[in-house]
Amino acid sequence: MTKYDDQARTYSIAIVGAGVLAAGLTFAYFALDGVGMTERVMERFGLSQSID
């Protein structure tokens, strides 16, 4: 039973770590490129028309 618990904990840590890393990279892209990146992403998803 303990073996499975340790394995589940390892997976959850890996998933959380990957999520944090992805969030950090996304934030870095937005921070570096600023508004231009945001507008490009909005255009890609077709949201810029509704915002304008």
Protein backbone atom coordinates (compact mmCIF):
# COMPACT_ATOMS: atom_id res chain seq x y z
CA MET A 1 0.00 0.00 0.00
CA THR A 2 2.79 2.40 0.90
CA LYS A 3 4.45 1.68 -2.44
CA TYR A 4 1.38 2.93 -4.31
CA ASP A 5 1.10 6.01 -2.08
CA ASP A 6 4.72 6.96 -2.80
CA GLN A 7 4.15 6.48 -6.52
CA ALA A 8 1.01 8.65 -6.45
CA ARG A 9 2.88 11.35 -4.53
CA THR A 10 5.69 11.29 -7.09
CA TYR A 11 3.23 11.67 -9.96
CA SER A 12 1.36 14.53 -8.27
CA ILE A 13 4.63 16.37 -7.57
CA ALA A 14 5.67 15.92 -11.20
CA ILE A 15 2.30 17.18 -12.46
CA VAL A 16 2.37 20.22 -10.15
CA GLY A 17 5.98 20.93 -11.10
CA ALA A 18 5.15 20.78 -14.80
CA GLY A 19 2.17 23.10 -14.25
CA VAL A 20 4.28 25.63 -12.35
CA LEU A 21 6.96 25.49 -15.04
CA ALA A 22 4.41 26.03 -17.81
CA ALA A 23 2.85 28.94 -15.93
CA GLY A 24 6.28 30.48 -15.38
CA LEU A 25 7.18 30.20 -19.06
CA THR A 26 3.84 31.67 -20.11
CA PHE A 27 4.30 34.58 -17.70
CA ALA A 28 7.83 35.14 -19.00
CA TYR A 29 6.59 35.31 -22.61
CA PHE A 30 3.89 37.82 -21.70
CA ALA A 31 6.24 39.87 -19.53
CA LEU A 32 8.98 40.02 -22.19
CA ASP A 33 6.75 40.70 -25.17
CA GLY A 34 4.15 42.79 -23.31
CA VAL A 35 0.99 43.92 -25.02
CA GLY A 36 2.05 42.82 -28.49
CA MET A 37 2.05 39.17 -27.45
CA THR A 38 -1.34 39.53 -25.78
CA GLU A 39 -2.87 41.03 -28.92
CA ARG A 40 -1.38 38.28 -31.09
CA VAL A 41 -2.80 35.58 -28.82
CA MET A 42 -6.20 37.30 -28.81
CA GLU A 43 -6.18 37.46 -32.61
CA ARG A 44 -5.26 33.80 -32.86
CA PHE A 45 -8.26 32.85 -30.73
CA GLY A 46 -10.49 35.38 -32.47
CA LEU A 47 -11.12 37.46 -29.34
CA SER A 48 -9.73 40.79 -30.54
CA GLN A 49 -12.92 41.67 -32.42
CA SER A 50 -15.09 41.37 -29.32
CA ILE A 51 -12.61 43.39 -27.24
CA ASP A 52 -12.39 46.15 -29.82
